[in-house]
Amino acid sequence: MRQFQFAGMMRKYFRPYILVRPGETKRYDEYGDPIPSDPERITLQGHIQPLDAKLTQAEGGKYTAEDKALYTLSEHAGGDLIEYQGSQYIVDDPALRDYSDIKKYVLKKVVSNDPVQ
């Protein structure tokens, strides 16, 4: 299958976003309970934009107007936490795109009164 090279064209639209990974617990208190460590914050580049209205309607209310689409060269797994412009999003749908070097992910907004730590 032919692979299209869109990265050169898309780089001018890329903006920084942060991938937040939970820190590894390596310390324990005197009772043997793990002490939570600080999360690892990795700055990556990508293009984040609103979801297409057709996708929002086709999924029967699974996605809202606050959910986003992420186009990037980086690899993400379902459940990864992304921070962009002060909001938190969870990678919901890691779609495989063998025909392009740009990867597309659907990001679900984390509810503001229940942020992910």
PDB file of N, CA and C in Angstrom:
ATOM      1  N   MET A   1       0.848  -1.175   0.000  1.00  0.00           N
ATOM      2  CA  MET A   1       0.000   0.000   0.000  1.00  0.00           C
ATOM      3  C   MET A   1       0.893   1.238   0.000  1.00  0.00           C
ATOM      4  N   ARG A   2       0.527   2.212  -0.755  1.00  0.00           N
ATOM      5  CA  ARG A   2       1.277   3.453  -0.833  1.00  0.00           C
ATOM      6  C   ARG A   2       1.013   4.304   0.408  1.00  0.00           C
ATOM      7  N   GLN A   3       2.059   4.861   0.967  1.00  0.00           N
ATOM      8  CA  GLN A   3       1.905   5.714   2.140  1.00  0.00           C
ATOM      9  C   GLN A   3       2.127   7.168   1.732  1.00  0.00           C
ATOM     10  N   PHE A   4       1.184   8.010   2.077  1.00  0.00           N
ATOM     11  CA  PHE A   4       1.262   9.425   1.762  1.00  0.00           C
ATOM     12  C   PHE A   4       2.036  10.155   2.842  1.00  0.00           C
ATOM     13  N   GLN A   5       2.844  11.117   2.446  1.00  0.00           N
ATOM     14  CA  GLN A   5       3.686  11.880   3.355  1.00  0.00           C
ATOM     15  C   GLN A   5       3.082  13.269   3.557  1.00  0.00           C
ATOM     16  N   PHE A   6       2.298  13.430   4.632  1.00  0.00           N
ATOM     17  CA  PHE A   6       1.656  14.703   4.941  1.00  0.00           C
ATOM     18  C   PHE A   6       2.391  15.501   6.011  1.00  0.00           C
ATOM     19  N   ALA A   7       3.405  14.919   6.633  1.00  0.00           N
ATOM     20  CA  ALA A   7       4.052  15.560   7.780  1.00  0.00           C
ATOM     21  C   ALA A   7       4.641  16.921   7.428  1.00  0.00           C
ATOM     22  N   GLY A   8       5.290  17.040   6.276  1.00  0.00           N
ATOM     23  CA  GLY A   8       5.892  18.309   5.896  1.00  0.00           C
ATOM     24  C   GLY A   8       4.875  19.421   5.770  1.00  0.00           C
ATOM     25  N   MET A   9       3.714  19.100   5.230  1.00  0.00           N
ATOM     26  CA  MET A   9       2.654  20.083   5.054  1.00  0.00           C
ATOM     27  C   MET A   9       1.997  20.439   6.397  1.00  0.00           C
ATOM     28  N   MET A  10       1.884  19.474   7.299  1.00  0.00           N
ATOM     29  CA  MET A  10       1.178  19.686   8.563  1.00  0.00           C
ATOM     30  C   MET A  10       2.030  20.358   9.629  1.00  0.00           C
ATOM     31  N   ARG A  11       3.356  20.299   9.525  1.00  0.00           N
ATOM     32  CA  ARG A  11       4.225  20.829  10.586  1.00  0.00           C
ATOM     33  C   ARG A  11       3.974  22.305  10.881  1.00  0.00           C
ATOM     34  N   LYS A  12       3.596  23.077   9.888  1.00  0.00           N
ATOM     35  CA  LYS A  12       3.366  24.499  10.157  1.00  0.00           C
ATOM     36  C   LYS A  12       2.139  24.727  11.035  1.00  0.00           C
ATOM     37  N   TYR A  13       1.256  23.741  11.154  1.00  0.00           N
ATOM     38  CA  TYR A  13       0.066  23.849  12.001  1.00  0.00           C
ATOM     39  C   TYR A  13       0.279  23.226  13.378  1.00  0.00           C
ATOM     40  N   PHE A  14       1.378  22.536  13.576  1.00  0.00           N
ATOM     41  CA  PHE A  14       1.623  21.858  14.851  1.00  0.00           C
ATOM     42  C   PHE A  14       1.817  22.863  15.979  1.00  0.00           C
ATOM     43  N   ARG A  15       1.262  22.540  17.137  1.00  0.00           N
ATOM     44  CA  ARG A  15       1.385  23.322  18.358  1.00  0.00           C
ATOM     45  C   ARG A  15       1.759  22.351  19.480  1.00  0.00           C
ATOM     46  N   PRO A  16       2.389  22.845  20.545  1.00  0.00           N
ATOM     47  CA  PRO A  16       2.760  21.940  21.636  1.00  0.00           C
ATOM     48  C   PRO A  16       1.538  21.494  22.459  1.00  0.00           C
ATOM     49  N   TYR A  17       1.573  20.258  22.883  1.00  0.00           N
ATOM     50  CA  TYR A  17       0.618  19.720  23.850  1.00  0.00           C
ATOM     51  C   TYR A  17       1.401  18.829  24.791  1.00  0.00           C
ATOM     52  N   ILE A  18       0.804  18.468  25.916  1.00  0.00           N
ATOM     53  CA  ILE A  18       1.521  17.717  26.950  1.00  0.00           C
ATOM     54  C   ILE A  18       0.883  16.348  27.133  1.00  0.00           C
ATOM     55  N   LEU A  19       1.718  15.329  27.083  1.00  0.00           N
ATOM     56  CA  LEU A  19       1.308  13.966  27.410  1.00  0.00           C
ATOM     57  C   LEU A  19       1.665  13.737  28.867  1.00  0.00           C
ATOM     58  N   VAL A  20       0.682  13.373  29.692  1.00  0.00           N
ATOM     59  CA  VAL A  20       0.896  13.164  31.131  1.00  0.00           C
ATOM     60  C   VAL A  20       0.840  11.665  31.402  1.00  0.00           C
ATOM     61  N   ARG A  21       1.964  11.149  31.880  1.00  0.00           N
ATOM     62  CA  ARG A  21       2.027   9.734  32.240  1.00  0.00           C
ATOM     63  C   ARG A  21       2.169   9.636  33.751  1.00  0.00           C
ATOM     64  N   PRO A  22       1.487   8.680  34.382  1.00  0.00           N
ATOM     65  CA  PRO A  22       1.616   8.551  35.840  1.00  0.00           C
ATOM     66  C   PRO A  22       3.042   8.178  36.216  1.00  0.00           C
ATOM     67  N   GLY A  23       3.516   8.762  37.300  1.00  0.00           N
ATOM     68  CA  GLY A  23       4.864   8.460  37.773  1.00  0.00           C
ATOM     69  C   GLY A  23       4.928   7.080  38.393  1.00  0.00           C
ATOM     70  N   GLU A  24       6.105   6.500  38.350  1.00  0.00           N
ATOM     71  CA  GLU A  24       6.293   5.185  38.949  1.00  0.00           C
ATOM     72  C   GLU A  24       6.536   5.339  40.444  1.00  0.00           C
ATOM     73  N   THR A  25       5.827   4.552  41.237  1.00  0.00           N
ATOM     74  CA  THR A  25       5.986   4.600  42.686  1.00  0.00           C
ATOM     75  C   THR A  25       7.207   3.780  43.067  1.00  0.00           C
ATOM     76  N   LYS A  26       8.200   4.458  43.613  1.00  0.00           N
ATOM     77  CA  LYS A  26       9.425   3.771  44.015  1.00  0.00           C
ATOM     78  C   LYS A  26       9.689   3.920  45.510  1.00  0.00           C
ATOM     79  N   ARG A  27       8.887   4.739  46.178  1.00  0.00           N
ATOM     80  CA  ARG A  27       9.101   4.966  47.608  1.00  0.00           C
ATOM     81  C   ARG A  27       7.867   4.522  48.389  1.00  0.00           C
ATOM     82  N   TYR A  28       8.113   4.107  49.604  1.00  0.00           N
ATOM     83  CA  TYR A  28       7.035   3.653  50.478  1.00  0.00           C
ATOM     84  C   TYR A  28       7.209   4.304  51.846  1.00  0.00           C
ATOM     85  N   ASP A  29       6.076   4.556  52.522  1.00  0.00           N
ATOM     86  CA  ASP A  29       6.158   5.134  53.861  1.00  0.00           C
ATOM     87  C   ASP A  29       6.454   4.031  54.887  1.00  0.00           C
ATOM     88  N   GLU A  30       6.489   4.398  56.161  1.00  0.00           N
ATOM     89  CA  GLU A  30       6.864   3.435  57.204  1.00  0.00           C
ATOM     90  C   GLU A  30       5.847   2.308  57.384  1.00  0.00           C
ATOM     91  N   TYR A  31       4.639   2.470  56.829  1.00  0.00           N
ATOM     92  CA  TYR A  31       3.608   1.430  56.926  1.00  0.00           C
ATOM     93  C   TYR A  31       3.582   0.532  55.698  1.00  0.00           C
ATOM     94  N   GLY A  32       4.439   0.819  54.720  1.00  0.00           N
ATOM     95  CA  GLY A  32       4.489   0.004  53.508  1.00  0.00           C
ATOM     96  C   GLY A  32       3.556   0.480  52.413  1.00  0.00           C
ATOM     97  N   ASP A  33       2.881   1.607  52.639  1.00  0.00           N
ATOM     98  CA  ASP A  33       1.992   2.145  51.613  1.00  0.00           C
ATOM     99  C   ASP A  33       2.811   2.933  50.595  1.00  0.00           C
ATOM    100  N   PRO A  34       2.485   2.801  49.306  1.00  0.00           N
ATOM    101  CA  PRO A  34       3.260   3.528  48.294  1.00  0.00           C
ATOM    102  C   PRO A  34       3.023   5.032  48.386  1.00  0.00           C
ATOM    103  N   ILE A  35       4.075   5.796  48.204  1.00  0.00           N
ATOM    104  CA  ILE A  35       3.984   7.255  48.153  1.00  0.00           C
ATOM    105  C   ILE A  35       3.841   7.642  46.691  1.00  0.00           C
ATOM    106  N   PRO A  36       2.736   8.291  46.322  1.00  0.00           N
ATOM    107  CA  PRO A  36       2.554   8.626  44.911  1.00  0.00           C
ATOM    108  C   PRO A  36       3.625   9.597  44.431  1.00  0.00           C
ATOM    109  N   SER A  37       4.160   9.329  43.269  1.00  0.00           N
ATOM    110  CA  SER A  37       5.192  10.205  42.715  1.00  0.00           C
ATOM    111  C   SER A  37       4.552  11.175  41.716  1.00  0.00           C
ATOM    112  N   ASP A  38       5.296  12.198  41.372  1.00  0.00           N
ATOM    113  CA  ASP A  38       4.795  13.196  40.426  1.00  0.00           C
ATOM    114  C   ASP A  38       4.652  12.575  39.033  1.00  0.00           C
ATOM    115  N   PRO A  39       3.623  12.964  38.311  1.00  0.00           N
ATOM    116  CA  PRO A  39       3.458  12.428  36.961  1.00  0.00           C
ATOM    117  C   PRO A  39       4.546  12.945  36.018  1.00  0.00           C
ATOM    118  N   GLU A  40       4.851  12.156  35.024  1.00  0.00           N
ATOM    119  CA  GLU A  40       5.822  12.533  34.007  1.00  0.00           C
ATOM    120  C   GLU A  40       5.097  13.337  32.933  1.00  0.00           C
ATOM    121  N   ARG A  41       5.610  14.520  32.625  1.00  0.00           N
ATOM    122  CA  ARG A  41       4.978  15.412  31.651  1.00  0.00           C
ATOM    123  C   ARG A  41       5.900  15.539  30.445  1.00  0.00           C
ATOM    124  N   ILE A  42       5.409  15.098  29.277  1.00  0.00           N
ATOM    125  CA  ILE A  42       6.204  15.090  28.052  1.00  0.00           C
ATOM    126  C   ILE A  42       5.563  16.053  27.061  1.00  0.00           C
ATOM    127  N   THR A  43       6.327  17.018  26.569  1.00  0.00           N
ATOM    128  CA  THR A  43       5.816  17.973  25.590  1.00  0.00           C
ATOM    129  C   THR A  43       6.002  17.401  24.194  1.00  0.00           C
ATOM    130  N   LEU A  44       4.908  17.333  23.434  1.00  0.00           N
ATOM    131  CA  LEU A  44       4.911  16.821  22.064  1.00  0.00           C
ATOM    132  C   LEU A  44       4.313  17.871  21.140  1.00  0.00           C
ATOM    133  N   GLN A  45       4.361  17.628  19.854  1.00  0.00           N
ATOM    134  CA  GLN A  45       3.808  18.543  18.853  1.00  0.00           C
ATOM    135  C   GLN A  45       2.671  17.857  18.108  1.00  0.00           C
ATOM    136  N   GLY A  46       1.617  18.616  17.822  1.00  0.00           N
ATOM    137  CA  GLY A  46       0.493  18.086  17.067  1.00  0.00           C
ATOM    138  C   GLY A  46      -0.489  19.182  16.734  1.00  0.00           C
ATOM    139  N   HIS A  47      -1.497  18.821  15.967  1.00  0.00           N
ATOM    140  CA  HIS A  47      -2.548  19.763  15.578  1.00  0.00           C
ATOM    141  C   HIS A  47      -3.848  19.268  16.193  1.00  0.00           C
ATOM    142  N   ILE A  48      -4.451  20.091  17.045  1.00  0.00           N
ATOM    143  CA  ILE A  48      -5.703  19.732  17.723  1.00  0.00           C
ATOM    144  C   ILE A  48      -6.793  20.645  17.202  1.00  0.00           C
ATOM    145  N   GLN A  49      -7.895  20.022  16.775  1.00  0.00           N
ATOM    146  CA  GLN A  49      -9.012  20.790  16.226  1.00  0.00           C
ATOM    147  C   GLN A  49     -10.332  20.157  16.646  1.00  0.00           C
ATOM    148  N   PRO A  50     -11.453  20.885  16.500  1.00  0.00           N
ATOM    149  CA  PRO A  50     -12.756  20.330  16.872  1.00  0.00           C
ATOM    150  C   PRO A  50     -13.101  19.109  16.017  1.00  0.00           C
ATOM    151  N   LEU A  51     -13.933  18.245  16.582  1.00  0.00           N
ATOM    152  CA  LEU A  51     -14.384  17.066  15.838  1.00  0.00           C
ATOM    153  C   LEU A  51     -15.325  17.462  14.715  1.00  0.00           C
ATOM    154  N   ASP A  52     -15.329  16.662  13.698  1.00  0.00           N
ATOM    155  CA  ASP A  52     -16.243  16.847  12.585  1.00  0.00           C
ATOM    156  C   ASP A  52     -17.681  16.614  13.065  1.00  0.00           C
ATOM    157  N   ALA A  53     -18.606  17.454  12.642  1.00  0.00           N
ATOM    158  CA  ALA A  53     -20.013  17.336  13.070  1.00  0.00           C
ATOM    159  C   ALA A  53     -20.612  16.000  12.631  1.00  0.00           C
ATOM    160  N   LYS A  54     -20.177  15.468  11.500  1.00  0.00           N
ATOM    161  CA  LYS A  54     -20.695  14.173  11.037  1.00  0.00           C
ATOM    162  C   LYS A  54     -20.303  13.055  11.994  1.00  0.00           C
ATOM    163  N   LEU A  55     -19.092  13.094  12.509  1.00  0.00           N
ATOM    164  CA  LEU A  55     -18.653  12.079  13.465  1.00  0.00           C
ATOM    165  C   LEU A  55     -19.443  12.194  14.754  1.00  0.00           C
ATOM    166  N   THR A  56     -19.670  13.407  15.221  1.00  0.00           N
ATOM    167  CA  THR A  56     -20.434  13.616  16.449  1.00  0.00           C
ATOM    168  C   THR A  56     -21.844  13.052  16.313  1.00  0.00           C
ATOM    169  N   GLN A  57     -22.485  13.247  15.179  1.00  0.00           N
ATOM    170  CA  GLN A  57     -23.833  12.745  14.956  1.00  0.00           C
ATOM    171  C   GLN A  57     -23.846  11.238  14.718  1.00  0.00           C
ATOM    172  N   ALA A  58     -22.851  10.732  14.005  1.00  0.00           N
ATOM    173  CA  ALA A  58     -22.824   9.315  13.663  1.00  0.00           C
ATOM    174  C   ALA A  58     -22.636   8.421  14.882  1.00  0.00           C
ATOM    175  N   GLU A  59     -21.940   8.898  15.876  1.00  0.00           N
ATOM    176  CA  GLU A  59     -21.683   8.094  17.062  1.00  0.00           C
ATOM    177  C   GLU A  59     -22.835   8.145  18.066  1.00  0.00           C
ATOM    178  N   GLY A  60     -23.913   8.805  17.746  1.00  0.00           N
ATOM    179  CA  GLY A  60     -25.105   8.792  18.596  1.00  0.00           C
ATOM    180  C   GLY A  60     -24.908   9.427  19.957  1.00  0.00           C
ATOM    181  N   GLY A  61     -24.192  10.536  20.028  1.00  0.00           N
ATOM    182  CA  GLY A  61     -24.018  11.241  21.285  1.00  0.00           C
ATOM    183  C   GLY A  61     -22.813  10.812  22.088  1.00  0.00           C
ATOM    184  N   LYS A  62     -21.980   9.938  21.534  1.00  0.00           N
ATOM    185  CA  LYS A  62     -20.774   9.517  22.259  1.00  0.00           C
ATOM    186  C   LYS A  62     -19.791  10.671  22.389  1.00  0.00           C
ATOM    187  N   TYR A  63     -19.755  11.537  21.393  1.00  0.00           N
ATOM    188  CA  TYR A  63     -18.851  12.680  21.401  1.00  0.00           C
ATOM    189  C   TYR A  63     -19.640  13.968  21.535  1.00  0.00           C
ATOM    190  N   THR A  64     -19.016  14.970  22.178  1.00  0.00           N
ATOM    191  CA  THR A  64     -19.658  16.262  22.368  1.00  0.00           C
ATOM    192  C   THR A  64     -18.886  17.331  21.604  1.00  0.00           C
ATOM    193  N   ALA A  65     -19.374  18.549  21.655  1.00  0.00           N
ATOM    194  CA  ALA A  65     -18.716  19.658  20.965  1.00  0.00           C
ATOM    195  C   ALA A  65     -17.374  20.002  21.616  1.00  0.00           C
ATOM    196  N   GLU A  66     -17.157  19.591  22.856  1.00  0.00           N
ATOM    197  CA  GLU A  66     -15.899  19.877  23.547  1.00  0.00           C
ATOM    198  C   GLU A  66     -14.809  18.865  23.240  1.00  0.00           C
ATOM    199  N   ASP A  67     -15.142  17.744  22.611  1.00  0.00           N
ATOM    200  CA  ASP A  67     -14.150  16.743  22.245  1.00  0.00           C
ATOM    201  C   ASP A  67     -13.366  17.219  21.027  1.00  0.00           C
ATOM    202  N   LYS A  68     -12.149  16.709  20.870  1.00  0.00           N
ATOM    203  CA  LYS A  68     -11.244  17.192  19.827  1.00  0.00           C
ATOM    204  C   LYS A  68     -10.667  16.035  19.021  1.00  0.00           C
ATOM    205  N   ALA A  69     -10.066  16.388  17.892  1.00  0.00           N
ATOM    206  CA  ALA A  69      -9.295  15.449  17.078  1.00  0.00           C
ATOM    207  C   ALA A  69      -7.833  15.888  17.141  1.00  0.00           C
ATOM    208  N   LEU A  70      -6.925  14.940  17.289  1.00  0.00           N
ATOM    209  CA  LEU A  70      -5.494  15.212  17.363  1.00  0.00           C
ATOM    210  C   LEU A  70      -4.805  14.575  16.171  1.00  0.00           C
ATOM    211  N   TYR A  71      -4.042  15.375  15.434  1.00  0.00           N
ATOM    212  CA  TYR A  71      -3.223  14.899  14.332  1.00  0.00           C
ATOM    213  C   TYR A  71      -1.769  15.082  14.740  1.00  0.00           C
ATOM    214  N   THR A  72      -0.990  14.003  14.757  1.00  0.00           N
ATOM    215  CA  THR A  72       0.378  14.065  15.259  1.00  0.00           C
ATOM    216  C   THR A  72       1.239  12.980  14.621  1.00  0.00           C
ATOM    217  N   LEU A  73       2.532  13.114  14.787  1.00  0.00           N
ATOM    218  CA  LEU A  73       3.474  12.076  14.370  1.00  0.00           C
ATOM    219  C   LEU A  73       3.753  11.104  15.515  1.00  0.00           C
ATOM    220  N   SER A  74       3.367  11.461  16.739  1.00  0.00           N
ATOM    221  CA  SER A  74       3.641  10.647  17.930  1.00  0.00           C
ATOM    222  C   SER A  74       2.637   9.516  18.058  1.00  0.00           C
ATOM    223  N   GLU A  75       3.059   8.459  18.744  1.00  0.00           N
ATOM    224  CA  GLU A  75       2.190   7.307  19.011  1.00  0.00           C
ATOM    225  C   GLU A  75       1.505   7.486  20.357  1.00  0.00           C
ATOM    226  N   HIS A  76       0.206   7.197  20.411  1.00  0.00           N
ATOM    227  CA  HIS A  76      -0.550   7.233  21.665  1.00  0.00           C
ATOM    228  C   HIS A  76      -1.386   5.970  21.779  1.00  0.00           C
ATOM    229  N   ALA A  77      -1.682   5.597  23.001  1.00  0.00           N
ATOM    230  CA  ALA A  77      -2.551   4.449  23.273  1.00  0.00           C
ATOM    231  C   ALA A  77      -3.866   4.956  23.846  1.00  0.00           C
ATOM    232  N   GLY A  78      -4.894   4.152  23.759  1.00  0.00           N
ATOM    233  CA  GLY A  78      -6.168   4.513  24.363  1.00  0.00           C
ATOM    234  C   GLY A  78      -6.003   4.714  25.859  1.00  0.00           C
ATOM    235  N   GLY A  79      -6.556   5.806  26.386  1.00  0.00           N
ATOM    236  CA  GLY A  79      -6.455   6.102  27.808  1.00  0.00           C
ATOM    237  C   GLY A  79      -5.335   7.066  28.163  1.00  0.00           C
ATOM    238  N   ASP A  80      -4.485   7.433  27.206  1.00  0.00           N
ATOM    239  CA  ASP A  80      -3.441   8.418  27.483  1.00  0.00           C
ATOM    240  C   ASP A  80      -4.074   9.757  27.834  1.00  0.00           C
ATOM    241  N   LEU A  81      -3.458  10.466  28.777  1.00  0.00           N
ATOM    242  CA  LEU A  81      -3.959  11.774  29.210  1.00  0.00           C
ATOM    243  C   LEU A  81      -3.188  12.869  28.491  1.00  0.00           C
ATOM    244  N   ILE A  82      -3.921  13.782  27.843  1.00  0.00           N
ATOM    245  CA  ILE A  82      -3.352  14.888  27.075  1.00  0.00           C
ATOM    246  C   ILE A  82      -3.829  16.193  27.709  1.00  0.00           C
ATOM    247  N   GLU A  83      -2.916  17.152  27.859  1.00  0.00           N
ATOM    248  CA  GLU A  83      -3.279  18.500  28.299  1.00  0.00           C
ATOM    249  C   GLU A  83      -3.019  19.460  27.149  1.00  0.00           C
ATOM    250  N   TYR A  84      -4.014  20.302  26.878  1.00  0.00           N
ATOM    251  CA  TYR A  84      -3.893  21.282  25.801  1.00  0.00           C
ATOM    252  C   TYR A  84      -4.666  22.537  26.191  1.00  0.00           C
ATOM    253  N   GLN A  85      -3.993  23.652  26.249  1.00  0.00           N
ATOM    254  CA  GLN A  85      -4.573  24.951  26.585  1.00  0.00           C
ATOM    255  C   GLN A  85      -5.388  24.905  27.880  1.00  0.00           C
ATOM    256  N   GLY A  86      -4.840  24.267  28.895  1.00  0.00           N
ATOM    257  CA  GLY A  86      -5.462  24.241  30.210  1.00  0.00           C
ATOM    258  C   GLY A  86      -6.569  23.218  30.387  1.00  0.00           C
ATOM    259  N   SER A  87      -6.870  22.432  29.377  1.00  0.00           N
ATOM    260  CA  SER A  87      -7.898  21.392  29.472  1.00  0.00           C
ATOM    261  C   SER A  87      -7.254  20.020  29.375  1.00  0.00           C
ATOM    262  N   GLN A  88      -7.895  19.036  29.999  1.00  0.00           N
ATOM    263  CA  GLN A  88      -7.408  17.664  29.959  1.00  0.00           C
ATOM    264  C   GLN A  88      -8.303  16.834  29.054  1.00  0.00           C
ATOM    265  N   TYR A  89      -7.684  15.958  28.280  1.00  0.00           N
ATOM    266  CA  TYR A  89      -8.390  15.074  27.352  1.00  0.00           C
ATOM    267  C   TYR A  89      -7.827  13.666  27.494  1.00  0.00           C
ATOM    268  N   ILE A  90      -8.681  12.680  27.215  1.00  0.00           N
ATOM    269  CA  ILE A  90      -8.261  11.281  27.219  1.00  0.00           C
ATOM    270  C   ILE A  90      -8.334  10.776  25.782  1.00  0.00           C
ATOM    271  N   VAL A  91      -7.286  10.073  25.336  1.00  0.00           N
ATOM    272  CA  VAL A  91      -7.291   9.483  23.994  1.00  0.00           C
ATOM    273  C   VAL A  91      -8.328   8.377  23.992  1.00  0.00           C
ATOM    274  N   ASP A  92      -9.355   8.535  23.149  1.00  0.00           N
ATOM    275  CA  ASP A  92     -10.478   7.602  23.152  1.00  0.00           C
ATOM    276  C   ASP A  92     -10.395   6.599  22.020  1.00  0.00           C
ATOM    277  N   ASP A  93     -10.052   7.052  20.843  1.00  0.00           N
ATOM    278  CA  ASP A  93     -10.135   6.187  19.678  1.00  0.00           C
ATOM    279  C   ASP A  93      -8.839   6.248  18.878  1.00  0.00           C
ATOM    280  N   PRO A  94      -7.866   5.369  19.201  1.00  0.00           N
ATOM    281  CA  PRO A  94      -6.643   5.371  18.411  1.00  0.00           C
ATOM    282  C   PRO A  94      -6.861   4.661  17.077  1.00  0.00           C
ATOM    283  N   ALA A  95      -7.238   5.415  16.051  1.00  0.00           N
ATOM    284  CA  ALA A  95      -7.525   4.839  14.738  1.00  0.00           C
ATOM    285  C   ALA A  95      -6.223   4.552  13.997  1.00  0.00           C
ATOM    286  N   LEU A  96      -6.132   3.372  13.396  1.00  0.00           N
ATOM    287  CA  LEU A  96      -4.948   3.017  12.621  1.00  0.00           C
ATOM    288  C   LEU A  96      -5.076   3.574  11.217  1.00  0.00           C
ATOM    289  N   ARG A  97      -4.018   4.254  10.761  1.00  0.00           N
ATOM    290  CA  ARG A  97      -4.000   4.835   9.426  1.00  0.00           C
ATOM    291  C   ARG A  97      -2.715   4.407   8.747  1.00  0.00           C
ATOM    292  N   ASP A  98      -2.744   3.285   8.056  1.00  0.00           N
ATOM    293  CA  ASP A  98      -1.554   2.757   7.403  1.00  0.00           C
ATOM    294  C   ASP A  98      -1.155   3.553   6.171  1.00  0.00           C
ATOM    295  N   TYR A  99      -2.054   4.346   5.644  1.00  0.00           N
ATOM    296  CA  TYR A  99      -1.795   5.047   4.399  1.00  0.00           C
ATOM    297  C   TYR A  99      -1.154   6.414   4.592  1.00  0.00           C
ATOM    298  N   SER A 100      -0.939   6.855   5.831  1.00  0.00           N
ATOM    299  CA  SER A 100      -0.415   8.187   6.082  1.00  0.00           C
ATOM    300  C   SER A 100       0.603   8.166   7.214  1.00  0.00           C
ATOM    301  N   ASP A 101       1.553   9.104   7.163  1.00  0.00           N
ATOM    302  CA  ASP A 101       2.516   9.219   8.252  1.00  0.00           C
ATOM    303  C   ASP A 101       1.955  10.009   9.430  1.00  0.00           C
ATOM    304  N   ILE A 102       0.860  10.724   9.238  1.00  0.00           N
ATOM    305  CA  ILE A 102       0.175  11.463  10.309  1.00  0.00           C
ATOM    306  C   ILE A 102      -0.844  10.534  10.968  1.00  0.00           C
ATOM    307  N   LYS A 103      -0.840  10.512  12.298  1.00  0.00           N
ATOM    308  CA  LYS A 103      -1.795   9.675  13.037  1.00  0.00           C
ATOM    309  C   LYS A 103      -2.925  10.548  13.575  1.00  0.00           C
ATOM    310  N   LYS A 104      -4.148  10.016  13.552  1.00  0.00           N
ATOM    311  CA  LYS A 104      -5.321  10.751  14.032  1.00  0.00           C
ATOM    312  C   LYS A 104      -5.871  10.050  15.267  1.00  0.00           C
ATOM    313  N   TYR A 105      -6.159  10.854  16.302  1.00  0.00           N
ATOM    314  CA  TYR A 105      -6.738  10.343  17.538  1.00  0.00           C
ATOM    315  C   TYR A 105      -7.931  11.200  17.921  1.00  0.00           C
ATOM    316  N   VAL A 106      -8.942  10.580  18.514  1.00  0.00           N
ATOM    317  CA  VAL A 106     -10.083  11.307  19.044  1.00  0.00           C
ATOM    318  C   VAL A 106      -9.843  11.504  20.537  1.00  0.00           C
ATOM    319  N   LEU A 107      -9.991  12.759  20.995  1.00  0.00           N
ATOM    320  CA  LEU A 107      -9.760  13.106  22.394  1.00  0.00           C
ATOM    321  C   LEU A 107     -11.077  13.452  23.064  1.00  0.00           C
ATOM    322  N   LYS A 108     -11.382  12.781  24.172  1.00  0.00           N
ATOM    323  CA  LYS A 108     -12.580  13.097  24.956  1.00  0.00           C
ATOM    324  C   LYS A 108     -12.175  14.013  26.090  1.00  0.00           C
ATOM    325  N   LYS A 109     -12.919  15.108  26.254  1.00  0.00           N
ATOM    326  CA  LYS A 109     -12.608  16.082  27.308  1.00  0.00           C
ATOM    327  C   LYS A 109     -12.918  15.485  28.667  1.00  0.00           C
ATOM    328  N   VAL A 110     -11.996  15.694  29.604  1.00  0.00           N
ATOM    329  CA  VAL A 110     -12.193  15.263  30.984  1.00  0.00           C
ATOM    330  C   VAL A 110     -13.093  16.286  31.649  1.00  0.00           C
ATOM    331  N   VAL A 111     -14.087  15.824  32.391  1.00  0.00           N
ATOM    332  CA  VAL A 111     -15.029  16.720  33.062  1.00  0.00           C
ATOM    333  C   VAL A 111     -14.264  17.600  34.039  1.00  0.00           C
ATOM    334  N   SER A 112     -14.555  18.890  34.022  1.00  0.00           N
ATOM    335  CA  SER A 112     -13.771  19.856  34.799  1.00  0.00           C
ATOM    336  C   SER A 112     -13.873  19.645  36.311  1.00  0.00           C
ATOM    337  N   ASN A 113     -14.988  19.123  36.804  1.00  0.00           N
ATOM    338  CA  ASN A 113     -15.094  18.921  38.247  1.00  0.00           C
ATOM    339  C   ASN A 113     -14.604  17.555  38.671  1.00  0.00           C
ATOM    340  N   ASP A 114     -14.044  16.764  37.745  1.00  0.00           N
ATOM    341  CA  ASP A 114     -13.493  15.453  38.048  1.00  0.00           C
ATOM    342  C   ASP A 114     -12.208  15.234  37.250  1.00  0.00           C
ATOM    343  N   PRO A 115     -11.162  16.064  37.507  1.00  0.00           N
ATOM    344  CA  PRO A 115      -9.943  15.942  36.709  1.00  0.00           C
ATOM    345  C   PRO A 115      -9.188  14.655  37.022  1.00  0.00           C
ATOM    346  N   VAL A 116      -8.462  14.184  36.053  1.00  0.00           N
ATOM    347  CA  VAL A 116      -7.629  13.009  36.226  1.00  0.00           C
ATOM    348  C   VAL A 116      -6.320  13.447  36.851  1.00  0.00           C
ATOM    349  N   GLN A 117      -5.866  12.751  37.857  1.00  0.00           N
ATOM    350  CA  GLN A 117      -4.618  13.123  38.547  1.00  0.00           C
ATOM    351  C   GLN A 117      -3.429  12.506  37.872  1.00  0.00           C
TER     352      GLN A 117
END
